[in-house]
Amino acid sequence: MSSEKASLPMMAVANLNRDADSRIFNWKQFLKFFLTLAIVYIWGSIYPLSSLIGIRRDVTPPLGIPKKIQKHWGQYAPWFPVEKYKRPPKGCEITQVNILQRHGARYPNSYDSYDESIKRLMEADKFVDSKLDFLSEYEYDLEEEELLPFGASQSFGSGETVFRRYSHLVNAKNIPFVRSSGKSRAIHSATNWTVGFAAASHHRYNPILSVVVPEEQNNTLNNDCPNAGDGTKQKRAWLKVFAPPIAKRLEKAAPGAKVSNDDVFNLMAMCSFETLAKERGSEFCQLFKDREFKMFGYHGDVEKFYKTGYGEPLGPVQGVGYVNELLARLTGRPVQDHTQYNSSLPFPLGRSLYVDFTHENLMVAVYSAMGLFNISDNPLSTKKMEKESNRVWIASKMVPFSSRMVVERLTCSGRKKMHGPKLVDFDDEDWEDEHEHEHEESEGGGRQAGEHVRVLVNDAVQPLDFCHAGKGGICSLDAFVESQDYARRSGDGDFEKCYN
């Protein structure tokens, strides 16, 4: 989906009078109209229309479904910023950015059986609830696997945002280095991202997708561990808790239909997939209540926790390869890894902006290998759902479609104090907004000068307790590297357990 040129705005043309005078050709009016049209076209080619009228493609447009419902679609939710982006504190300058991004919204996977669940519901003798009447003429028409136009737009918008936010890192000799895992939806997300970045720069900088890593082989952008669990046992346990009452209600509304627990999940998933595919509210959404969507979203939390998260002993090791690549980029030293890293592929150091496209399961593995969202001491229950305010492991906030983890390397200057180490002089009072109050400046606090790191997931700054981060979630680069000892030891033998 290319949006390099803005669409021309519709031109309003006044109605001509139908008398004889109106049929006299007016060369001056024609020339004026032609010149106006030419100017609009040229202007739209140079400056994307979205920039002129303030369209934010990285913000989910109205889809006909309340945002509070969308945020309970788990990993099938569209991207949304968990918090407003905050710039680093005063005295710190971003010198490098590493982005790990999930592909944009897609069609259902080929192995999903959503259409079969719909057919079973349509086999009812009759519908006694008018919310089901749409099924009398319904035809399932969703494609499989591929990136949606909506997903392409999400990726394009992300590229625009990255240029706006980090353009100071880019020059003609230092443009983003972009990689992608081998699935077409990831590849197309990456190429749409590059087009968005180029368009936002008015085509001064035109990054390309430099490396595609085939998924048939082990690689750092795709989780792979044959001996690991996949969370099936745990997600089925939760499905047995919340789905039966819904199945019973649907069977009552559609006498003669046989609705299983899996059918309930599939029909609820259709709310998301069809809404994003059609870019309008799916009629499947109206079949379920708000609390039921909360339980559906929790199903995604459980799946990710017990698939490649802390709940699976061999989950975190599947993210170790990427973490070791990240450490290499941050330090400018060659990759030290004995898991998924492939030394035969291009892997330049010394760049200021790296972008990698992948899947949500790999992102969860990376979070777990790094120590983000660490609830290993309090695993998710498969019997009851705690209040969202008491939970930090929430799939829709961690890995929605087009989710992104951003690792910023910072160089912080300091000032001498009479006694003690060299500290950065951060003024917590001095908050400033960028792009019409879009971005705030994060809190600082005294900190040793030098190189530092902070991590953001969907624009929310992560606390980084594991490297003793202070205010603003910033810790020294050395402390961050030291904290990643599990990855630096290539997973303490867990990688070998994946295959032996």
Protein backbone atom coordinates (compact mmCIF):
# COMPACT_ATOMS: atom_id res chain seq x y z
CA MET A 1 0.00 0.00 0.00
CA SER A 2 1.91 3.03 -1.15
CA SER A 3 1.00 6.50 0.01
CA GLU A 4 4.02 8.35 -1.35
CA LYS A 5 1.74 10.85 -3.03
CA ALA A 6 -1.17 12.41 -1.29
CA SER A 7 -4.58 11.96 -2.83
CA LEU A 8 -5.82 15.07 -4.53
CA PRO A 9 -8.58 16.85 -2.63
CA MET A 10 -11.88 16.95 -4.37
CA MET A 11 -12.26 20.24 -6.20
CA ALA A 12 -15.58 21.99 -5.85
CA VAL A 13 -16.69 23.39 -9.18
CA ALA A 14 -19.52 25.87 -9.32
CA ASN A 15 -22.50 24.97 -11.46
CA LEU A 16 -22.53 26.84 -14.73
CA ASN A 17 -25.62 28.69 -15.81
CA ARG A 18 -27.56 26.90 -18.49
CA ASP A 19 -28.11 29.99 -20.63
CA ALA A 20 -26.30 30.67 -23.88
CA ASP A 21 -23.57 32.78 -22.28
CA SER A 22 -22.44 29.85 -20.13
CA ARG A 23 -21.55 27.88 -23.25
CA ILE A 24 -18.95 30.47 -24.32
CA PHE A 25 -15.51 28.99 -23.54
CA ASN A 26 -13.69 31.15 -21.02
CA TRP A 27 -9.92 30.67 -21.50
CA LYS A 28 -9.01 32.69 -18.42
CA GLN A 29 -11.16 30.56 -16.13
CA PHE A 30 -9.82 27.36 -17.71
CA LEU A 31 -6.20 28.49 -17.30
CA LYS A 32 -6.83 29.48 -13.68
CA PHE A 33 -8.44 26.11 -12.93
CA PHE A 34 -5.63 24.20 -14.67
CA LEU A 35 -2.91 26.09 -12.79
CA THR A 36 -4.68 25.51 -9.47
CA LEU A 37 -4.95 21.81 -10.20
CA ALA A 38 -1.27 21.62 -11.13
CA ILE A 39 -0.18 23.42 -7.96
CA VAL A 40 -2.27 21.11 -5.78
CA TYR A 41 -0.84 18.04 -7.51
CA ILE A 42 2.79 19.20 -7.23
CA TRP A 43 2.32 20.30 -3.63
CA GLY A 44 0.72 16.96 -2.74
CA SER A 45 3.61 15.13 -4.37
CA ILE A 46 6.22 16.98 -2.33
CA TYR A 47 4.36 17.31 0.95
CA PRO A 48 2.11 14.43 2.01
CA LEU A 49 -1.46 15.59 2.49
CA SER A 50 -1.45 13.95 5.92
CA SER A 51 1.25 16.40 7.02
CA LEU A 52 -0.66 19.40 5.67
CA ILE A 53 -3.94 18.67 7.41
CA GLY A 54 -2.59 16.99 10.52
CA ILE A 55 -3.72 13.42 9.89
CA ARG A 56 -2.02 11.02 12.31
CA ARG A 57 -1.86 7.62 10.63
CA ASP A 58 -0.28 6.10 13.73
CA VAL A 59 -3.45 6.81 15.70
CA THR A 60 -6.25 4.31 15.16
CA PRO A 61 -9.12 5.96 13.26
CA PRO A 62 -12.73 5.46 14.32
CA LEU A 63 -13.80 1.93 13.45
CA GLY A 64 -17.38 2.01 14.66
CA ILE A 65 -16.48 0.08 17.81
CA PRO A 66 -15.79 1.84 21.15
CA LYS A 67 -12.09 2.09 21.99
CA LYS A 68 -12.75 0.45 25.35
CA ILE A 69 -13.86 -2.68 23.46
CA GLN A 70 -10.93 -2.58 21.02
CA LYS A 71 -8.53 -2.56 23.96
CA HIS A 72 -9.95 -5.92 25.07
CA TRP A 73 -9.10 -7.69 21.83
CA GLY A 74 -5.79 -8.94 23.23
CA GLN A 75 -3.14 -9.47 20.57
CA TYR A 76 -5.79 -8.74 17.93
CA ALA A 77 -6.20 -5.14 19.08
CA PRO A 78 -5.08 -2.30 16.81
CA TRP A 79 -2.06 -0.34 18.01
CA PHE A 80 -2.66 2.46 20.48
CA PRO A 81 -0.18 4.45 22.58
CA VAL A 82 -0.26 3.21 26.16
CA GLU A 83 1.07 6.59 27.27
CA LYS A 84 2.06 9.84 25.61
CA TYR A 85 5.62 9.73 24.37
CA LYS A 86 7.95 11.61 26.71
CA ARG A 87 11.26 12.94 25.52
CA PRO A 88 14.34 12.11 27.56
CA PRO A 89 15.15 14.47 30.43
CA LYS A 90 17.00 17.70 29.89
CA GLY A 91 20.70 17.03 29.52
CA CYS A 92 20.21 13.75 27.65
CA GLU A 93 20.44 13.37 23.89
CA ILE A 94 19.22 10.35 21.93
CA THR A 95 22.13 8.93 19.93
CA GLN A 96 20.70 5.61 18.76
CA VAL A 97 17.26 4.02 18.41
CA ASN A 98 16.45 0.32 18.06
CA ILE A 99 12.87 -0.60 17.12
CA LEU A 100 11.36 -4.07 17.25
CA GLN A 101 7.91 -3.90 15.65
CA ARG A 102 5.13 -6.37 15.05
CA HIS A 103 3.55 -6.52 11.61
CA GLY A 104 0.36 -4.55 11.11
CA ALA A 105 -3.17 -5.92 11.28
CA ARG A 106 -3.65 -9.06 9.17
CA TYR A 107 -6.30 -11.45 7.92
CA PRO A 108 -6.91 -14.62 9.98
CA ASN A 109 -4.33 -17.40 9.79
CA SER A 110 -4.96 -20.27 7.38
CA TYR A 111 -5.46 -22.70 10.25
CA ASP A 112 -8.09 -20.58 12.00
CA SER A 113 -11.59 -22.00 11.69
CA TYR A 114 -13.67 -18.86 12.09
CA ASP A 115 -15.79 -19.62 9.03
CA GLU A 116 -16.70 -23.06 10.40
CA SER A 117 -17.88 -21.57 13.71
CA ILE A 118 -20.04 -19.10 11.82
CA LYS A 119 -21.57 -21.93 9.76
CA ARG A 120 -22.48 -23.82 12.93
CA LEU A 121 -24.27 -20.77 14.28
CA MET A 122 -26.05 -20.28 10.95
CA GLU A 123 -27.38 -23.85 11.13
CA ALA A 124 -29.91 -22.73 13.75
CA ASP A 125 -33.56 -23.45 13.09
CA LYS A 126 -34.29 -19.78 13.60
CA PHE A 127 -32.95 -16.66 15.29
CA VAL A 128 -34.92 -15.29 18.21
CA ASP A 129 -32.50 -12.42 18.87
CA SER A 130 -32.56 -9.68 16.24
CA LYS A 131 -28.79 -9.17 16.69
CA LEU A 132 -28.35 -12.43 14.79
CA ASP A 133 -30.55 -11.49 11.85
CA PHE A 134 -27.55 -10.37 9.77
CA LEU A 135 -26.50 -14.03 9.52
CA SER A 136 -29.47 -14.85 7.31
CA GLU A 137 -27.60 -13.35 4.34
CA TYR A 138 -24.05 -13.48 5.68
CA GLU A 139 -21.12 -14.67 3.55
CA TYR A 140 -17.65 -15.13 4.99
CA ASP A 141 -15.18 -13.37 2.70
CA LEU A 142 -11.99 -12.79 4.70
CA GLU A 143 -8.72 -13.75 3.06
CA GLU A 144 -5.88 -15.50 4.89
CA GLU A 145 -2.57 -14.53 6.44
CA GLU A 146 -1.83 -11.37 4.47
CA LEU A 147 -1.46 -7.81 5.69
CA LEU A 148 -4.66 -5.77 5.66
CA PRO A 149 -4.85 -2.32 4.05
CA PHE A 150 -5.47 -1.11 7.61
CA GLY A 151 -2.27 -2.88 8.70
CA ALA A 152 -0.32 -1.28 5.85
CA SER A 153 -1.57 2.12 6.97
CA GLN A 154 -0.50 1.36 10.56
CA SER A 155 3.02 0.59 9.37
CA PHE A 156 3.14 3.66 7.11
CA GLY A 157 2.07 5.82 10.05
CA SER A 158 4.72 4.31 12.28
CA GLY A 159 7.38 5.26 9.73
CA GLU A 160 6.07 8.82 9.66
CA THR A 161 6.15 9.01 13.45
CA VAL A 162 9.70 7.68 13.69
CA PHE A 163 10.95 10.30 11.25
CA ARG A 164 9.19 13.10 13.13
CA ARG A 165 10.55 11.88 16.44
CA TYR A 166 14.10 10.92 15.50
CA SER A 167 14.93 12.86 12.32
CA HIS A 168 18.02 14.32 14.02
CA LEU A 169 19.61 10.85 13.84
CA VAL A 170 19.36 10.62 10.06
CA ASN A 171 21.50 11.98 7.28
CA ALA A 172 22.33 10.96 3.73
CA LYS A 173 25.02 8.54 4.93
CA ASN A 174 23.12 7.19 7.92
CA ILE A 175 19.58 6.10 7.12
CA PRO A 176 17.55 3.43 8.96
CA PHE A 177 18.74 -0.17 8.62
CA VAL A 178 15.57 -2.25 8.19
CA ARG A 179 15.14 -6.03 8.51
CA SER A 180 12.12 -8.30 8.45
CA SER A 181 11.20 -11.84 9.28
CA GLY A 182 10.23 -13.85 6.21
CA LYS A 183 6.42 -13.87 6.37
CA SER A 184 4.85 -11.66 3.71
CA ARG A 185 2.81 -9.70 6.25
CA ALA A 186 6.04 -8.74 8.07
CA ILE A 187 7.80 -7.92 4.81
CA HIS A 188 4.95 -5.71 3.61
CA SER A 189 4.77 -4.00 7.00
CA ALA A 190 8.46 -3.19 6.68
CA THR A 191 8.15 -1.80 3.15
CA ASN A 192 5.14 0.31 4.11
CA TRP A 193 7.14 1.62 7.07
CA THR A 194 9.97 2.68 4.75
CA VAL A 195 7.51 4.49 2.48
CA GLY A 196 6.01 6.31 5.47
CA PHE A 197 9.45 7.34 6.69
CA ALA A 198 10.44 8.54 3.22
CA ALA A 199 7.20 10.48 2.76
CA ALA A 200 7.60 12.21 6.14
CA SER A 201 11.12 13.27 5.12
CA HIS A 202 9.73 14.65 1.84
CA HIS A 203 11.82 11.94 0.17
CA ARG A 204 15.15 13.32 1.30
CA TYR A 205 15.78 9.92 2.91
CA ASN A 206 14.47 6.74 1.33
CA PRO A 207 15.30 3.70 3.46
CA ILE A 208 14.83 0.23 2.01
CA LEU A 209 14.22 -3.21 3.44
CA SER A 210 17.82 -4.45 3.57
CA VAL A 211 17.49 -7.98 4.99
CA VAL A 212 14.69 -10.56 4.90
CA VAL A 213 15.37 -13.49 7.23
CA PRO A 214 13.66 -16.70 6.04
CA GLU A 215 11.46 -18.29 8.71
CA GLU A 216 12.30 -21.78 7.51
CA GLN A 217 15.58 -21.45 9.39
CA ASN A 218 16.27 -20.43 12.97
CA ASN A 219 16.61 -16.68 13.27
CA THR A 220 16.45 -13.83 15.74
CA LEU A 221 13.19 -12.42 14.35
CA ASN A 222 11.05 -15.52 14.72
CA ASN A 223 10.47 -17.66 17.81
CA ASP A 224 11.43 -21.29 17.38
CA CYS A 225 11.68 -24.00 20.03
CA PRO A 226 10.11 -27.37 19.11
CA ASN A 227 10.22 -28.67 22.68
CA ALA A 228 8.52 -25.63 24.22
CA GLY A 229 4.88 -25.57 25.21
CA ASP A 230 2.49 -23.31 23.32
CA GLY A 231 0.08 -22.34 26.09
CA THR A 232 -2.71 -24.57 24.76
CA LYS A 233 -3.37 -26.23 28.12
CA GLN A 234 -3.63 -22.94 29.99
CA LYS A 235 -5.71 -21.05 27.45
CA ARG A 236 -8.14 -23.98 27.21
CA ALA A 237 -8.46 -23.95 30.98
CA TRP A 238 -9.44 -20.28 30.89
CA LEU A 239 -11.75 -20.84 27.92
CA LYS A 240 -13.65 -23.42 30.00
CA VAL A 241 -14.19 -20.74 32.65
CA PHE A 242 -15.62 -17.92 30.56
CA ALA A 243 -16.99 -19.50 27.35
CA PRO A 244 -19.75 -21.93 28.50
CA PRO A 245 -22.23 -19.26 29.72
CA ILE A 246 -21.76 -17.39 26.42
CA ALA A 247 -22.26 -20.57 24.38
CA LYS A 248 -25.44 -21.30 26.31
CA ARG A 249 -26.78 -17.80 25.66
CA LEU A 250 -26.01 -18.03 21.93
CA GLU A 251 -27.74 -21.42 21.65
CA LYS A 252 -30.79 -19.93 23.33
CA ALA A 253 -30.76 -17.06 20.83
CA ALA A 254 -30.27 -19.50 17.94
CA PRO A 255 -32.29 -22.66 18.69
CA GLY A 256 -30.88 -25.71 16.95
CA ALA A 257 -27.31 -24.40 16.78
CA LYS A 258 -24.55 -26.26 18.62
CA VAL A 259 -22.01 -23.76 19.92
CA SER A 260 -18.76 -25.01 21.45
CA ASN A 261 -16.25 -23.13 23.61
CA ASP A 262 -13.96 -22.84 20.60
CA ASP A 263 -16.84 -21.41 18.59
CA VAL A 264 -17.29 -18.71 21.22
CA PHE A 265 -13.65 -17.69 20.91
CA ASN A 266 -13.81 -17.70 17.12
CA LEU A 267 -16.98 -15.62 16.98
CA MET A 268 -15.50 -13.08 19.40
CA ALA A 269 -12.28 -12.96 17.35
CA MET A 270 -14.40 -12.17 14.28
CA CYS A 271 -15.34 -8.91 15.95
CA SER A 272 -11.73 -7.78 15.67
CA PHE A 273 -10.74 -9.37 12.37
CA GLU A 274 -13.79 -8.27 10.42
CA THR A 275 -13.76 -4.77 11.90
CA LEU A 276 -10.12 -4.25 10.91
CA ALA A 277 -10.61 -5.85 7.48
CA LYS A 278 -13.70 -3.78 6.61
CA GLU A 279 -12.65 -0.72 8.65
CA ARG A 280 -16.14 -0.54 10.08
CA GLY A 281 -17.81 -2.16 13.03
CA SER A 282 -18.45 -5.88 12.59
CA GLU A 283 -21.93 -7.11 13.45
CA PHE A 284 -20.32 -9.92 15.44
CA CYS A 285 -19.28 -7.35 18.05
CA GLN A 286 -22.88 -6.71 19.08
CA LEU A 287 -23.31 -10.35 20.12
CA PHE A 288 -21.13 -9.93 23.21
CA LYS A 289 -21.08 -7.84 26.37
CA ASP A 290 -18.31 -5.58 27.62
CA ARG A 291 -17.32 -7.94 30.43
CA GLU A 292 -17.21 -10.84 28.00
CA PHE A 293 -14.70 -8.94 25.87
CA LYS A 294 -12.60 -8.35 28.98
CA MET A 295 -12.48 -12.11 29.50
CA PHE A 296 -11.66 -12.59 25.81
CA GLY A 297 -8.75 -10.18 26.15
CA TYR A 298 -7.52 -12.05 29.21
CA HIS A 299 -7.45 -15.19 27.06
CA GLY A 300 -4.74 -13.45 25.01
CA ASP A 301 -2.86 -12.53 28.18
CA VAL A 302 -2.87 -16.17 29.29
CA GLU A 303 -1.82 -17.49 25.88
CA LYS A 304 1.16 -15.15 25.57
CA PHE A 305 2.30 -15.69 29.16
CA TYR A 306 2.33 -19.47 28.81
CA LYS A 307 3.57 -19.60 25.19
CA THR A 308 6.75 -17.54 24.99
CA GLY A 309 6.48 -15.62 28.26
CA TYR A 310 7.56 -16.31 31.81
CA GLY A 311 5.00 -19.10 32.20
CA GLU A 312 6.85 -21.34 29.72
CA PRO A 313 10.31 -22.48 30.92
CA LEU A 314 11.62 -22.38 27.34
CA GLY A 315 9.81 -19.15 26.43
CA PRO A 316 12.38 -16.45 27.26
CA VAL A 317 15.26 -18.24 25.54
CA GLN A 318 13.48 -17.74 22.21
CA GLY A 319 14.17 -14.00 22.54
CA VAL A 320 17.84 -14.30 23.56
CA GLY A 321 19.25 -14.00 20.04
CA TYR A 322 17.57 -10.65 19.44
CA VAL A 323 18.65 -9.34 22.85
CA ASN A 324 22.27 -10.17 22.05
CA GLU A 325 21.94 -8.37 18.72
CA LEU A 326 20.54 -5.38 20.59
CA LEU A 327 23.49 -5.37 22.99
CA ALA A 328 25.89 -5.47 20.03
CA ARG A 329 24.23 -2.44 18.45
CA LEU A 330 24.15 -0.48 21.69
CA THR A 331 27.82 -1.13 22.46
CA GLY A 332 29.20 -1.23 18.91
CA ARG A 333 30.74 -4.63 19.53
CA PRO A 334 30.29 -7.85 17.51
CA VAL A 335 27.36 -10.09 18.41
CA GLN A 336 28.15 -12.71 21.05
CA ASP A 337 25.42 -15.33 20.80
CA HIS A 338 25.11 -19.09 20.56
CA THR A 339 21.36 -19.31 19.91
CA GLN A 340 19.58 -17.91 16.83
CA TYR A 341 22.09 -15.35 15.49
CA ASN A 342 23.12 -15.95 11.86
CA SER A 343 26.56 -14.43 11.21
CA SER A 344 26.24 -14.93 7.44
CA LEU A 345 23.62 -12.16 7.15
CA PRO A 346 24.44 -8.44 6.99
CA PHE A 347 24.55 -6.91 10.45
CA PRO A 348 26.16 -3.47 10.38
CA LEU A 349 27.22 -1.71 13.56
CA GLY A 350 27.53 2.02 14.08
CA ARG A 351 24.11 2.96 12.71
CA SER A 352 21.88 5.36 14.59
CA LEU A 353 18.49 3.85 13.67
CA TYR A 354 17.59 0.16 13.39
CA VAL A 355 14.12 -1.25 12.67
CA ASP A 356 13.18 -4.95 12.75
CA PHE A 357 9.76 -6.42 11.84
CA THR A 358 8.55 -9.59 13.49
CA HIS A 359 5.62 -11.36 15.20
CA GLU A 360 4.05 -10.99 18.62
CA ASN A 361 5.33 -14.30 20.00
CA LEU A 362 8.93 -13.28 19.35
CA MET A 363 8.29 -9.90 20.98
CA VAL A 364 6.90 -11.59 24.09
CA ALA A 365 9.99 -13.82 24.22
CA VAL A 366 12.22 -10.75 23.96
CA TYR A 367 10.32 -8.98 26.77
CA SER A 368 10.74 -12.06 28.94
CA ALA A 369 14.42 -12.53 28.13
CA MET A 370 15.07 -8.87 28.97
CA GLY A 371 13.04 -8.86 32.17
CA LEU A 372 10.19 -6.57 31.10
CA PHE A 373 6.67 -7.06 32.54
CA ASN A 374 8.16 -9.57 34.98
CA ILE A 375 5.37 -11.33 36.87
CA SER A 376 7.15 -14.66 37.17
CA ASP A 377 6.59 -14.58 40.94
CA ASN A 378 2.85 -14.15 40.41
CA PRO A 379 1.81 -16.22 37.34
CA LEU A 380 -1.47 -15.51 35.60
CA SER A 381 -4.37 -17.55 36.95
CA THR A 382 -6.38 -19.69 34.56
CA LYS A 383 -9.30 -19.83 37.00
CA LYS A 384 -10.10 -16.20 37.66
CA MET A 385 -9.25 -12.81 36.23
CA GLU A 386 -7.93 -10.06 38.48
CA LYS A 387 -8.88 -6.44 37.90
CA GLU A 388 -6.93 -4.90 35.05
CA SER A 389 -5.64 -2.18 37.37
CA ASN A 390 -3.84 -4.91 39.33
CA ARG A 391 -2.18 -6.44 36.25
CA VAL A 392 0.85 -5.45 34.18
CA TRP A 393 0.78 -8.40 31.75
CA ILE A 394 -1.86 -7.26 29.25
CA ALA A 395 -1.49 -8.47 25.67
CA SER A 396 -3.34 -5.54 24.09
CA LYS A 397 -0.83 -3.15 25.69
CA MET A 398 2.19 -5.33 24.97
CA VAL A 399 1.68 -6.85 21.52
CA PRO A 400 -1.29 -5.39 19.60
CA PHE A 401 -1.03 -5.28 15.82
CA SER A 402 1.84 -2.93 14.89
CA SER A 403 3.14 -2.94 18.48
CA ARG A 404 6.66 -1.68 18.97
CA MET A 405 9.45 -1.83 21.52
CA VAL A 406 11.86 1.08 21.26
CA VAL A 407 15.27 1.06 22.94
CA GLU A 408 16.86 4.51 23.02
CA ARG A 409 20.55 4.97 23.72
CA LEU A 410 21.20 8.31 25.37
CA THR A 411 24.28 10.41 25.96
CA CYS A 412 23.81 12.53 29.06
CA SER A 413 26.03 15.48 29.90
CA GLY A 414 26.61 16.51 33.50
CA ARG A 415 27.88 19.24 35.78
CA LYS A 416 30.46 19.04 38.52
CA LYS A 417 29.30 18.96 42.11
CA MET A 418 31.50 19.96 45.04
CA HIS A 419 31.65 16.34 46.17
CA GLY A 420 30.63 13.08 44.57
CA PRO A 421 30.42 11.83 40.98
CA LYS A 422 29.67 13.86 37.90
CA LEU A 423 25.90 14.24 37.70
CA VAL A 424 23.46 15.29 35.05
CA ASP A 425 21.64 18.47 35.97
CA PHE A 426 17.99 17.58 35.32
CA ASP A 427 15.33 20.13 36.02
CA ASP A 428 12.12 18.22 36.80
CA GLU A 429 10.14 21.43 36.64
CA ASP A 430 11.02 22.07 33.01
CA TRP A 431 8.43 20.10 31.05
CA GLU A 432 7.93 20.94 27.43
CA ASP A 433 5.65 19.56 24.75
CA GLU A 434 6.57 18.77 21.17
CA HIS A 435 4.23 18.77 18.16
CA GLU A 436 1.43 20.69 19.85
CA HIS A 437 1.81 19.03 23.25
CA GLU A 438 2.12 15.58 21.74
CA HIS A 439 5.31 14.68 23.62
CA GLU A 440 6.26 15.52 27.17
CA GLU A 441 9.70 15.52 28.69
CA SER A 442 10.34 12.72 31.16
CA GLU A 443 11.42 13.27 34.70
CA GLY A 444 15.12 13.25 35.40
CA GLY A 445 16.81 13.28 38.74
CA GLY A 446 20.54 13.25 39.44
CA ARG A 447 22.36 10.70 37.30
CA GLN A 448 25.93 9.95 36.35
CA ALA A 449 26.94 11.43 33.03
CA GLY A 450 27.71 9.11 30.14
CA GLU A 451 25.76 6.64 28.03
CA HIS A 452 22.36 5.47 29.20
CA VAL A 453 19.41 3.42 27.99
CA ARG A 454 15.66 3.61 28.27
CA VAL A 455 13.02 1.27 26.86
CA LEU A 456 9.52 2.12 25.66
CA VAL A 457 6.75 -0.31 24.75
CA ASN A 458 4.00 1.33 22.74
CA ASP A 459 5.26 4.72 23.96
CA ALA A 460 5.12 3.76 27.66
CA VAL A 461 8.50 4.15 29.38
CA GLN A 462 9.41 0.92 31.16
CA PRO A 463 10.70 1.06 34.77
CA LEU A 464 13.83 -1.12 34.18
CA ASP A 465 14.11 -2.09 37.83
CA PHE A 466 16.52 -4.86 36.83
CA CYS A 467 19.24 -2.29 36.05
CA HIS A 468 18.36 0.07 38.91
CA ALA A 469 16.83 2.74 36.71
CA GLY A 470 15.95 6.01 38.36
CA LYS A 471 13.23 8.46 37.48
CA GLY A 472 12.25 8.36 33.84
CA GLY A 473 13.21 4.68 33.51
CA ILE A 474 16.82 5.47 32.60
CA CYS A 475 19.77 3.33 33.59
CA SER A 476 23.40 3.45 32.52
CA LEU A 477 24.35 1.49 29.41
CA ASP A 478 26.85 -0.53 31.45
CA ALA A 479 24.18 -1.44 34.01
CA PHE A 480 21.75 -2.40 31.26
CA VAL A 481 24.28 -4.65 29.56
CA GLU A 482 25.20 -6.22 32.90
CA SER A 483 21.52 -6.88 33.66
CA GLN A 484 21.15 -8.98 30.52
CA ASP A 485 23.26 -11.81 31.90
CA TYR A 486 20.77 -14.53 30.88
CA ALA A 487 21.05 -13.47 27.25
CA ARG A 488 24.81 -12.92 27.43
CA ARG A 489 25.15 -16.50 28.66
CA SER A 490 23.05 -17.62 25.65
CA GLY A 491 20.21 -18.78 27.87
CA ASP A 492 22.06 -20.96 30.37
CA GLY A 493 21.59 -24.10 28.28
CA ASP A 494 17.85 -23.55 27.67
CA PHE A 495 18.41 -23.18 23.92
CA GLU A 496 19.82 -26.69 23.72
CA LYS A 497 16.74 -27.99 25.55
CA CYS A 498 14.62 -26.71 22.66
CA TYR A 499 16.06 -29.38 20.39
CA ASN A 500 17.37 -32.19 22.64
